[in-house]
Amino acid sequence: MSPPHSPHRRQTLTALFACGVAGLAGVAPVRAEDAARRAPRWLELASTHTGEVLSVAYRSGAGLVGEALSGLQHLLRDHRNNQQHPMDVGLYDLLADLADRAGVEPRFQIISGYRSPASNAALHERSSGVAVHSMHLEGRAMDVRLHGVDCARLAQLALAQSRGGVGYYRRSDFVHVDTGRIRSWQG
């Protein structure tokens, strides 16, 4: 899904048309998931802790956009000590796909992205809901809310994707998604 009035919509349609023409010409057609990875993708992330908001196209027709990835990594830093860590791009694709499945723009509130070892240990001491070896430590997890989508529905959509861990925290009203092994829980 592209931002409203975006030139990316035309580029995406052009790319899809080109894939179809290539298939008719006897060239092997591009698989749908490969075409989706090549299509422009964007996200808007808003940190609930810092108030920062970033709306970026992290993929262009040519591939990943380095400047956008750097901006996302900065926004997803550990807000307690400003430490950053590379984030798994698969998380961005998962978020964009979840918004597509929900039929809404990919605008997320971020409760937690990367967590430094010191922050994770402190949180683990205070809460049994924080894993000692959290995927947040590896830049492979986010705790999110999707604008316009109830968190219970978001959790169901994430479970249906079967692309990693999904935790639904009803009282705190957020969903944990990660790119680890497939598992689920409620907090």
N, C-alpha and C. Protein backbone atom coordinates (compact mmCIF):
# COMPACT_ATOMS: atom_id res chain seq x y z
N MET A 1 0.85 -1.16 0.00
CA MET A 1 0.00 0.00 0.00
C MET A 1 0.90 1.23 0.00
N SER A 2 0.65 2.16 -0.87
CA SER A 2 1.46 3.37 -0.96
C SER A 2 0.72 4.54 -0.35
N PRO A 3 1.46 5.58 0.05
CA PRO A 3 0.79 6.74 0.60
C PRO A 3 -0.18 7.33 -0.43
N PRO A 4 -1.21 8.04 0.05
CA PRO A 4 -2.15 8.67 -0.88
C PRO A 4 -1.42 9.60 -1.83
N HIS A 5 -1.85 9.64 -3.08
CA HIS A 5 -1.30 10.52 -4.11
C HIS A 5 0.18 10.25 -4.34
N SER A 6 0.60 9.03 -4.21
CA SER A 6 2.00 8.67 -4.34
C SER A 6 2.33 8.22 -5.75
N PRO A 7 3.50 8.63 -6.27
CA PRO A 7 3.91 8.13 -7.58
C PRO A 7 4.22 6.63 -7.52
N HIS A 8 4.38 6.09 -6.30
CA HIS A 8 4.70 4.67 -6.16
C HIS A 8 3.57 3.77 -6.66
N ARG A 9 2.32 4.25 -6.56
CA ARG A 9 1.20 3.44 -7.04
C ARG A 9 1.37 3.17 -8.53
N ARG A 10 1.72 4.19 -9.31
CA ARG A 10 1.91 4.03 -10.75
C ARG A 10 3.08 3.10 -11.02
N GLN A 11 4.18 3.27 -10.26
CA GLN A 11 5.35 2.41 -10.45
C GLN A 11 5.00 0.96 -10.15
N THR A 12 4.21 0.73 -9.11
CA THR A 12 3.83 -0.63 -8.75
C THR A 12 2.98 -1.24 -9.85
N LEU A 13 2.00 -0.49 -10.37
CA LEU A 13 1.17 -1.00 -11.46
C LEU A 13 2.00 -1.27 -12.70
N THR A 14 2.95 -0.38 -12.99
CA THR A 14 3.83 -0.57 -14.14
C THR A 14 4.65 -1.84 -13.98
N ALA A 15 5.18 -2.04 -12.77
CA ALA A 15 5.99 -3.24 -12.51
C ALA A 15 5.14 -4.51 -12.65
N LEU A 16 3.91 -4.48 -12.14
CA LEU A 16 3.05 -5.65 -12.25
C LEU A 16 2.69 -5.92 -13.71
N PHE A 17 2.42 -4.87 -14.49
CA PHE A 17 2.12 -5.03 -15.91
C PHE A 17 3.33 -5.62 -16.63
N ALA A 18 4.52 -5.12 -16.32
CA ALA A 18 5.74 -5.62 -16.95
C ALA A 18 5.94 -7.09 -16.64
N CYS A 19 5.65 -7.50 -15.40
CA CYS A 19 5.79 -8.91 -15.03
C CYS A 19 4.84 -9.77 -15.85
N GLY A 20 3.62 -9.28 -16.06
CA GLY A 20 2.64 -10.02 -16.84
C GLY A 20 3.05 -10.13 -18.29
N VAL A 21 3.58 -9.05 -18.88
CA VAL A 21 4.04 -9.06 -20.26
C VAL A 21 5.22 -10.00 -20.40
N ALA A 22 6.15 -9.98 -19.45
CA ALA A 22 7.30 -10.89 -19.49
C ALA A 22 6.83 -12.33 -19.48
N GLY A 23 5.81 -12.63 -18.68
CA GLY A 23 5.29 -13.98 -18.63
C GLY A 23 4.68 -14.40 -19.96
N LEU A 24 4.01 -13.49 -20.65
CA LEU A 24 3.41 -13.79 -21.94
C LEU A 24 4.47 -13.98 -23.01
N ALA A 25 5.62 -13.33 -22.85
CA ALA A 25 6.67 -13.39 -23.86
C ALA A 25 7.52 -14.65 -23.72
N GLY A 26 7.16 -15.55 -22.83
CA GLY A 26 7.92 -16.78 -22.68
C GLY A 26 9.00 -16.71 -21.62
N VAL A 27 9.17 -15.56 -20.98
CA VAL A 27 10.12 -15.43 -19.89
C VAL A 27 9.43 -15.91 -18.63
N ALA A 28 10.17 -16.57 -17.76
CA ALA A 28 9.56 -17.07 -16.53
C ALA A 28 8.94 -15.93 -15.74
N PRO A 29 7.67 -16.04 -15.35
CA PRO A 29 7.02 -14.97 -14.60
C PRO A 29 7.64 -14.84 -13.21
N VAL A 30 7.56 -13.63 -12.67
CA VAL A 30 8.07 -13.35 -11.33
C VAL A 30 7.02 -13.82 -10.33
N ARG A 31 7.46 -14.55 -9.29
CA ARG A 31 6.53 -14.99 -8.25
C ARG A 31 5.96 -13.77 -7.54
N ALA A 32 4.73 -13.88 -7.06
CA ALA A 32 4.05 -12.75 -6.42
C ALA A 32 4.84 -12.21 -5.24
N GLU A 33 5.38 -13.11 -4.37
CA GLU A 33 6.12 -12.61 -3.20
C GLU A 33 7.42 -11.93 -3.60
N ASP A 34 8.05 -12.39 -4.70
CA ASP A 34 9.26 -11.72 -5.18
C ASP A 34 8.93 -10.33 -5.73
N ALA A 35 7.83 -10.24 -6.46
CA ALA A 35 7.41 -8.94 -6.99
C ALA A 35 7.08 -7.98 -5.86
N ALA A 36 6.43 -8.50 -4.80
CA ALA A 36 6.08 -7.65 -3.66
C ALA A 36 7.33 -7.12 -2.98
N ARG A 37 8.38 -7.95 -2.90
CA ARG A 37 9.62 -7.50 -2.26
C ARG A 37 10.31 -6.42 -3.09
N ARG A 38 10.07 -6.43 -4.40
CA ARG A 38 10.69 -5.42 -5.27
C ARG A 38 9.85 -4.15 -5.36
N ALA A 39 8.58 -4.25 -5.00
CA ALA A 39 7.69 -3.10 -5.09
C ALA A 39 8.01 -2.12 -3.96
N PRO A 40 7.78 -0.85 -4.19
CA PRO A 40 7.99 0.13 -3.11
C PRO A 40 7.12 -0.20 -1.90
N ARG A 41 7.70 -0.09 -0.72
CA ARG A 41 6.98 -0.34 0.53
C ARG A 41 7.25 0.82 1.47
N TRP A 42 6.27 1.19 2.27
CA TRP A 42 6.46 2.29 3.21
C TRP A 42 5.79 1.96 4.53
N LEU A 43 6.24 2.66 5.56
CA LEU A 43 5.70 2.56 6.91
C LEU A 43 5.70 3.92 7.56
N GLU A 44 4.77 4.11 8.48
CA GLU A 44 4.83 5.26 9.38
C GLU A 44 4.87 4.69 10.79
N LEU A 45 5.93 5.01 11.51
CA LEU A 45 6.09 4.55 12.88
C LEU A 45 6.11 5.74 13.81
N ALA A 46 5.39 5.63 14.91
CA ALA A 46 5.34 6.69 15.93
C ALA A 46 5.73 6.08 17.27
N SER A 47 6.80 6.58 17.86
CA SER A 47 7.25 6.07 19.16
C SER A 47 6.39 6.64 20.27
N THR A 48 5.82 5.77 21.09
CA THR A 48 5.00 6.23 22.20
C THR A 48 5.85 6.83 23.32
N HIS A 49 7.14 6.54 23.34
CA HIS A 49 8.01 7.03 24.41
C HIS A 49 8.71 8.34 24.08
N THR A 50 9.08 8.54 22.82
CA THR A 50 9.82 9.75 22.46
C THR A 50 8.96 10.77 21.72
N GLY A 51 7.81 10.32 21.20
CA GLY A 51 6.96 11.21 20.42
C GLY A 51 7.41 11.37 18.98
N GLU A 52 8.52 10.74 18.61
CA GLU A 52 9.01 10.84 17.25
C GLU A 52 8.11 10.06 16.29
N VAL A 53 7.96 10.61 15.09
CA VAL A 53 7.18 9.96 14.03
C VAL A 53 8.03 9.95 12.78
N LEU A 54 8.06 8.82 12.10
CA LEU A 54 8.82 8.71 10.86
C LEU A 54 7.96 8.00 9.83
N SER A 55 7.79 8.63 8.69
CA SER A 55 7.06 8.03 7.58
C SER A 55 8.03 7.92 6.42
N VAL A 56 8.39 6.69 6.03
CA VAL A 56 9.41 6.49 5.00
C VAL A 56 9.07 5.32 4.09
N ALA A 57 9.57 5.41 2.86
CA ALA A 57 9.58 4.28 1.94
C ALA A 57 10.89 3.56 2.20
N TYR A 58 10.83 2.38 2.80
CA TYR A 58 12.05 1.64 3.13
C TYR A 58 12.49 0.72 1.99
N ARG A 59 11.60 0.50 1.02
CA ARG A 59 11.93 -0.23 -0.20
C ARG A 59 11.52 0.63 -1.39
N SER A 60 12.37 0.64 -2.39
CA SER A 60 12.01 1.28 -3.66
C SER A 60 12.00 0.18 -4.71
N GLY A 61 11.70 0.52 -5.93
CA GLY A 61 11.74 -0.47 -7.00
C GLY A 61 13.12 -1.08 -7.16
N ALA A 62 14.14 -0.35 -6.71
CA ALA A 62 15.53 -0.81 -6.84
C ALA A 62 16.01 -1.61 -5.63
N GLY A 63 15.23 -1.66 -4.57
CA GLY A 63 15.63 -2.42 -3.39
C GLY A 63 15.47 -1.61 -2.12
N LEU A 64 16.22 -2.01 -1.09
CA LEU A 64 16.14 -1.35 0.20
C LEU A 64 16.72 0.06 0.13
N VAL A 65 16.14 0.97 0.90
CA VAL A 65 16.57 2.37 0.93
C VAL A 65 17.37 2.58 2.22
N GLY A 66 18.68 2.69 2.09
CA GLY A 66 19.59 2.78 3.23
C GLY A 66 19.26 3.90 4.19
N GLU A 67 18.98 5.07 3.67
CA GLU A 67 18.67 6.23 4.53
C GLU A 67 17.41 5.97 5.35
N ALA A 68 16.41 5.35 4.73
CA ALA A 68 15.17 5.03 5.44
C ALA A 68 15.43 4.00 6.53
N LEU A 69 16.24 2.98 6.23
CA LEU A 69 16.56 1.96 7.22
C LEU A 69 17.30 2.57 8.41
N SER A 70 18.20 3.52 8.14
CA SER A 70 18.91 4.21 9.24
C SER A 70 17.93 4.99 10.10
N GLY A 71 16.98 5.68 9.46
CA GLY A 71 15.98 6.44 10.21
C GLY A 71 15.11 5.54 11.06
N LEU A 72 14.71 4.39 10.51
CA LEU A 72 13.89 3.44 11.27
C LEU A 72 14.68 2.88 12.45
N GLN A 73 15.95 2.56 12.22
CA GLN A 73 16.79 2.04 13.30
C GLN A 73 16.90 3.06 14.43
N HIS A 74 17.05 4.33 14.06
CA HIS A 74 17.15 5.38 15.08
C HIS A 74 15.84 5.48 15.87
N LEU A 75 14.71 5.49 15.17
CA LEU A 75 13.42 5.60 15.85
C LEU A 75 13.18 4.40 16.77
N LEU A 76 13.64 3.23 16.37
CA LEU A 76 13.40 1.99 17.13
C LEU A 76 14.46 1.72 18.19
N ARG A 77 15.33 2.71 18.44
CA ARG A 77 16.39 2.56 19.44
C ARG A 77 15.79 2.36 20.83
N ASP A 78 16.64 1.90 21.75
CA ASP A 78 16.25 1.76 23.15
C ASP A 78 16.10 3.18 23.70
N HIS A 79 14.87 3.60 23.97
CA HIS A 79 14.62 4.99 24.41
C HIS A 79 15.19 5.26 25.81
N ARG A 80 15.54 4.23 26.55
CA ARG A 80 16.06 4.42 27.91
C ARG A 80 17.51 4.90 27.91
N ASN A 81 18.28 4.49 26.88
CA ASN A 81 19.70 4.87 26.85
C ASN A 81 20.19 5.25 25.45
N ASN A 82 19.28 5.35 24.50
CA ASN A 82 19.57 5.75 23.11
C ASN A 82 20.47 4.80 22.35
N GLN A 83 20.66 3.58 22.83
CA GLN A 83 21.46 2.60 22.07
C GLN A 83 20.65 2.10 20.88
N GLN A 84 21.35 1.95 19.76
CA GLN A 84 20.74 1.46 18.54
C GLN A 84 21.30 0.09 18.19
N HIS A 85 20.55 -0.61 17.36
CA HIS A 85 20.96 -1.93 16.89
C HIS A 85 20.30 -2.14 15.53
N PRO A 86 20.97 -2.82 14.59
CA PRO A 86 20.31 -3.10 13.31
C PRO A 86 19.01 -3.89 13.53
N MET A 87 17.99 -3.52 12.80
CA MET A 87 16.69 -4.18 12.91
C MET A 87 16.50 -5.11 11.71
N ASP A 88 15.81 -6.21 11.94
CA ASP A 88 15.51 -7.18 10.89
C ASP A 88 14.51 -6.55 9.91
N VAL A 89 14.90 -6.44 8.65
CA VAL A 89 14.03 -5.85 7.64
C VAL A 89 12.75 -6.68 7.48
N GLY A 90 12.83 -7.96 7.81
CA GLY A 90 11.64 -8.80 7.76
C GLY A 90 10.52 -8.29 8.65
N LEU A 91 10.88 -7.58 9.73
CA LEU A 91 9.86 -6.98 10.60
C LEU A 91 9.10 -5.88 9.86
N TYR A 92 9.83 -5.09 9.08
CA TYR A 92 9.17 -4.01 8.33
C TYR A 92 8.21 -4.61 7.31
N ASP A 93 8.66 -5.67 6.61
CA ASP A 93 7.78 -6.32 5.64
C ASP A 93 6.56 -6.92 6.33
N LEU A 94 6.77 -7.52 7.51
CA LEU A 94 5.65 -8.09 8.26
C LEU A 94 4.64 -7.00 8.63
N LEU A 95 5.12 -5.86 9.12
CA LEU A 95 4.21 -4.77 9.48
C LEU A 95 3.43 -4.29 8.26
N ALA A 96 4.12 -4.08 7.15
CA ALA A 96 3.45 -3.62 5.93
C ALA A 96 2.41 -4.63 5.47
N ASP A 97 2.75 -5.92 5.55
CA ASP A 97 1.81 -6.96 5.15
C ASP A 97 0.60 -7.02 6.08
N LEU A 98 0.82 -6.82 7.39
CA LEU A 98 -0.29 -6.81 8.33
C LEU A 98 -1.26 -5.68 8.02
N ALA A 99 -0.72 -4.50 7.72
CA ALA A 99 -1.59 -3.38 7.37
C ALA A 99 -2.36 -3.67 6.08
N ASP A 100 -1.68 -4.27 5.09
CA ASP A 100 -2.36 -4.66 3.85
C ASP A 100 -3.53 -5.61 4.14
N ARG A 101 -3.26 -6.62 4.96
CA ARG A 101 -4.30 -7.61 5.30
C ARG A 101 -5.46 -6.96 6.04
N ALA A 102 -5.15 -5.96 6.87
CA ALA A 102 -6.20 -5.26 7.63
C ALA A 102 -6.94 -4.24 6.78
N GLY A 103 -6.38 -3.90 5.62
CA GLY A 103 -7.02 -2.94 4.73
C GLY A 103 -6.85 -1.50 5.19
N VAL A 104 -5.74 -1.22 5.89
CA VAL A 104 -5.47 0.14 6.37
C VAL A 104 -4.06 0.56 5.96
N GLU A 105 -3.79 1.85 6.08
CA GLU A 105 -2.45 2.37 5.82
C GLU A 105 -1.50 1.83 6.89
N PRO A 106 -0.24 1.62 6.57
CA PRO A 106 0.72 1.04 7.53
C PRO A 106 1.25 2.07 8.52
N ARG A 107 0.38 2.51 9.42
CA ARG A 107 0.72 3.51 10.44
C ARG A 107 0.65 2.85 11.81
N PHE A 108 1.82 2.69 12.44
CA PHE A 108 1.94 1.95 13.69
C PHE A 108 2.44 2.82 14.83
N GLN A 109 1.94 2.56 16.01
CA GLN A 109 2.53 3.08 17.24
C GLN A 109 3.52 2.03 17.71
N ILE A 110 4.70 2.47 18.10
CA ILE A 110 5.74 1.56 18.58
C ILE A 110 5.88 1.73 20.09
N ILE A 111 5.62 0.66 20.81
CA ILE A 111 5.79 0.66 22.26
C ILE A 111 7.23 0.27 22.59
N SER A 112 7.77 -0.69 21.83
CA SER A 112 9.13 -1.15 22.05
C SER A 112 9.70 -1.71 20.76
N GLY A 113 10.93 -1.32 20.47
CA GLY A 113 11.67 -1.88 19.34
C GLY A 113 12.88 -2.60 19.91
N TYR A 114 14.07 -2.05 19.61
CA TYR A 114 15.29 -2.63 20.15
C TYR A 114 15.36 -2.38 21.66
N ARG A 115 15.87 -3.38 22.40
CA ARG A 115 16.15 -3.23 23.83
C ARG A 115 17.59 -3.62 24.08
N SER A 116 18.33 -2.76 24.74
CA SER A 116 19.71 -3.08 25.11
C SER A 116 19.70 -4.15 26.20
N PRO A 117 20.81 -4.87 26.36
CA PRO A 117 20.87 -5.89 27.44
C PRO A 117 20.56 -5.30 28.82
N ALA A 118 21.06 -4.10 29.11
CA ALA A 118 20.81 -3.49 30.43
C ALA A 118 19.32 -3.20 30.62
N SER A 119 18.67 -2.64 29.62
CA SER A 119 17.24 -2.34 29.71
C SER A 119 16.42 -3.61 29.83
N ASN A 120 16.76 -4.62 29.03
CA ASN A 120 16.00 -5.87 29.07
C ASN A 120 16.12 -6.53 30.45
N ALA A 121 17.33 -6.51 31.02
CA ALA A 121 17.54 -7.11 32.34
C ALA A 121 16.72 -6.38 33.40
N ALA A 122 16.71 -5.05 33.33
CA ALA A 122 15.94 -4.26 34.31
C ALA A 122 14.44 -4.54 34.16
N LEU A 123 13.95 -4.62 32.93
CA LEU A 123 12.53 -4.91 32.70
C LEU A 123 12.19 -6.32 33.15
N HIS A 124 13.09 -7.26 32.92
CA HIS A 124 12.87 -8.66 33.34
C HIS A 124 12.76 -8.76 34.86
N GLU A 125 13.55 -7.96 35.57
CA GLU A 125 13.49 -7.96 37.03
C GLU A 125 12.12 -7.51 37.54
N ARG A 126 11.48 -6.58 36.81
CA ARG A 126 10.20 -6.02 37.24
C ARG A 126 8.99 -6.77 36.73
N SER A 127 9.17 -7.58 35.65
CA SER A 127 8.01 -8.22 35.03
C SER A 127 8.34 -9.63 34.54
N SER A 128 7.46 -10.55 34.84
CA SER A 128 7.64 -11.92 34.35
C SER A 128 7.32 -12.01 32.86
N GLY A 129 6.72 -10.96 32.30
CA GLY A 129 6.37 -10.94 30.88
C GLY A 129 7.53 -10.58 29.97
N VAL A 130 8.70 -10.29 30.53
CA VAL A 130 9.86 -9.93 29.71
C VAL A 130 10.83 -11.10 29.72
N ALA A 131 11.10 -11.66 28.56
CA ALA A 131 11.98 -12.82 28.44
C ALA A 131 13.44 -12.43 28.65
N VAL A 132 14.20 -13.32 29.28
CA VAL A 132 15.63 -13.09 29.49
C VAL A 132 16.35 -12.97 28.16
N HIS A 133 16.00 -13.82 27.21
CA HIS A 133 16.63 -13.82 25.88
C HIS A 133 15.63 -13.28 24.85
N SER A 134 15.12 -12.10 25.09
CA SER A 134 14.10 -11.49 24.25
C SER A 134 14.61 -11.24 22.83
N MET A 135 13.72 -11.40 21.86
CA MET A 135 14.04 -11.09 20.47
C MET A 135 14.29 -9.59 20.29
N HIS A 136 13.82 -8.77 21.23
CA HIS A 136 14.10 -7.34 21.18
C HIS A 136 15.61 -7.07 21.25
N LEU A 137 16.35 -7.93 21.95
CA LEU A 137 17.80 -7.78 22.08
C LEU A 137 18.52 -7.95 20.75
N GLU A 138 17.91 -8.68 19.84
CA GLU A 138 18.52 -8.96 18.54
C GLU A 138 17.99 -8.06 17.43
N GLY A 139 17.11 -7.12 17.77
CA GLY A 139 16.51 -6.28 16.73
C GLY A 139 15.54 -7.07 15.86
N ARG A 140 14.91 -8.09 16.45
CA ARG A 140 14.01 -8.95 15.69
C ARG A 140 12.59 -8.93 16.25
N ALA A 141 12.25 -7.91 17.06
CA ALA A 141 10.92 -7.85 17.66
C ALA A 141 10.47 -6.40 17.84
N MET A 142 9.16 -6.22 17.78
CA MET A 142 8.54 -4.93 18.07
C MET A 142 7.23 -5.18 18.79
N ASP A 143 6.88 -4.25 19.67
CA ASP A 143 5.58 -4.22 20.32
C ASP A 143 4.83 -3.06 19.68
N VAL A 144 3.66 -3.34 19.10
CA VAL A 144 3.01 -2.35 18.24
C VAL A 144 1.50 -2.27 18.45
N ARG A 145 0.96 -1.18 17.93
CA ARG A 145 -0.47 -1.00 17.70
C ARG A 145 -0.59 -0.47 16.27
N LEU A 146 -1.64 -0.88 15.57
CA LEU A 146 -1.89 -0.44 14.20
C LEU A 146 -3.10 0.49 14.21
N HIS A 147 -2.91 1.72 13.73
CA HIS A 147 -4.01 2.70 13.71
C HIS A 147 -5.21 2.13 12.97
N GLY A 148 -6.37 2.22 13.62
CA GLY A 148 -7.62 1.79 13.01
C GLY A 148 -7.92 0.31 13.13
N VAL A 149 -7.06 -0.43 13.86
CA VAL A 149 -7.26 -1.88 13.99
C VAL A 149 -7.17 -2.26 15.46
N ASP A 150 -8.18 -2.94 15.94
CA ASP A 150 -8.18 -3.43 17.31
C ASP A 150 -7.01 -4.40 17.50
N CYS A 151 -6.36 -4.34 18.66
CA CYS A 151 -5.19 -5.19 18.90
C CYS A 151 -5.53 -6.68 18.87
N ALA A 152 -6.73 -7.06 19.28
CA ALA A 152 -7.12 -8.47 19.20
C ALA A 152 -7.14 -8.92 17.74
N ARG A 153 -7.65 -8.08 16.87
CA ARG A 153 -7.68 -8.41 15.43
C ARG A 153 -6.26 -8.41 14.87
N LEU A 154 -5.45 -7.44 15.27
CA LEU A 154 -4.06 -7.39 14.81
C LEU A 154 -3.33 -8.68 15.20
N ALA A 155 -3.53 -9.15 16.41
CA ALA A 155 -2.90 -10.41 16.85
C ALA A 155 -3.36 -11.58 15.99
N GLN A 156 -4.65 -11.62 15.66
CA GLN A 156 -5.17 -12.70 14.81
C GLN A 156 -4.53 -12.64 13.42
N LEU A 157 -4.42 -11.44 12.87
CA LEU A 157 -3.78 -11.28 11.56
C LEU A 157 -2.32 -11.73 11.60
N ALA A 158 -1.62 -11.37 12.67
CA ALA A 158 -0.21 -11.76 12.80
C ALA A 158 -0.09 -13.27 12.94
N LEU A 159 -0.97 -13.89 13.71
CA LEU A 159 -0.94 -15.36 13.85
C LEU A 159 -1.16 -16.03 12.51
N ALA A 160 -2.07 -15.49 11.71
CA ALA A 160 -2.37 -16.07 10.40
C ALA A 160 -1.18 -15.99 9.45
N GLN A 161 -0.30 -15.03 9.67
CA GLN A 161 0.89 -14.89 8.81
C GLN A 161 1.90 -16.02 9.04
N SER A 162 1.93 -16.59 10.25
CA SER A 162 2.87 -17.68 10.58
C SER A 162 4.30 -17.32 10.21
N ARG A 163 4.74 -16.12 10.64
CA ARG A 163 6.08 -15.66 10.27
C ARG A 163 6.94 -15.36 11.49
N GLY A 164 6.54 -15.84 12.66
CA GLY A 164 7.33 -15.61 13.86
C GLY A 164 6.45 -15.62 15.09
N GLY A 165 6.99 -15.07 16.19
CA GLY A 165 6.26 -15.04 17.44
C GLY A 165 5.23 -13.94 17.49
N VAL A 166 4.11 -14.22 18.16
CA VAL A 166 3.03 -13.24 18.32
C VAL A 166 2.55 -13.31 19.76
N GLY A 167 2.62 -12.19 20.46
CA GLY A 167 2.10 -12.09 21.81
C GLY A 167 1.05 -11.01 21.87
N TYR A 168 -0.08 -11.32 22.45
CA TYR A 168 -1.17 -10.34 22.58
C TYR A 168 -1.27 -9.94 24.05
N TYR A 169 -1.05 -8.66 24.31
CA TYR A 169 -1.10 -8.11 25.67
C TYR A 169 -2.36 -7.25 25.79
N ARG A 170 -3.44 -7.90 26.19
CA ARG A 170 -4.75 -7.25 26.22
C ARG A 170 -4.79 -6.06 27.18
N ARG A 171 -4.30 -6.23 28.40
CA ARG A 171 -4.36 -5.13 29.39
C ARG A 171 -3.55 -3.92 28.94
N SER A 172 -2.40 -4.15 28.38
CA SER A 172 -1.54 -3.04 27.92
C SER A 172 -1.90 -2.60 26.51
N ASP A 173 -2.76 -3.36 25.84
CA ASP A 173 -3.26 -3.04 24.50
C ASP A 173 -2.16 -2.89 23.47
N PHE A 174 -1.38 -3.97 23.29
CA PHE A 174 -0.41 -3.99 22.20
C PHE A 174 -0.17 -5.43 21.77
N VAL A 175 0.48 -5.56 20.61
CA VAL A 175 0.82 -6.87 20.07
C VAL A 175 2.32 -6.93 19.86
N HIS A 176 2.94 -8.00 20.33
CA HIS A 176 4.35 -8.26 20.09
C HIS A 176 4.43 -9.10 18.81
N VAL A 177 5.29 -8.68 17.88
CA VAL A 177 5.60 -9.50 16.70
C VAL A 177 7.10 -9.64 16.61
N ASP A 178 7.55 -10.82 16.19
CA ASP A 178 8.99 -11.01 15.98
C ASP A 178 9.21 -11.97 14.83
N THR A 179 10.47 -12.07 14.42
CA THR A 179 10.84 -12.92 13.29
C THR A 179 11.55 -14.19 13.76
N GLY A 180 11.28 -14.59 14.98
CA GLY A 180 11.83 -15.84 15.50
C GLY A 180 10.97 -17.03 15.09
N ARG A 181 11.07 -18.09 15.86
CA ARG A 181 10.28 -19.28 15.56
C ARG A 181 8.80 -18.98 15.79
N ILE A 182 7.95 -19.74 15.15
CA ILE A 182 6.51 -19.54 15.25
C ILE A 182 6.03 -20.02 16.61
N ARG A 183 5.41 -19.09 17.35
CA ARG A 183 4.86 -19.39 18.67
C ARG A 183 3.90 -18.26 19.02
N SER A 184 3.06 -18.47 20.03
CA SER A 184 2.13 -17.41 20.43
C SER A 184 1.87 -17.50 21.91
N TRP A 185 1.42 -16.38 22.48
CA TRP A 185 1.10 -16.31 23.90
C TRP A 185 0.25 -15.08 24.16
N GLN A 186 -0.33 -15.03 25.35
CA GLN A 186 -1.07 -13.85 25.80
C GLN A 186 -0.45 -13.38 27.09
N GLY A 187 -0.39 -12.08 27.25
CA GLY A 187 0.21 -11.51 28.45
C GLY A 187 -0.75 -10.70 29.25
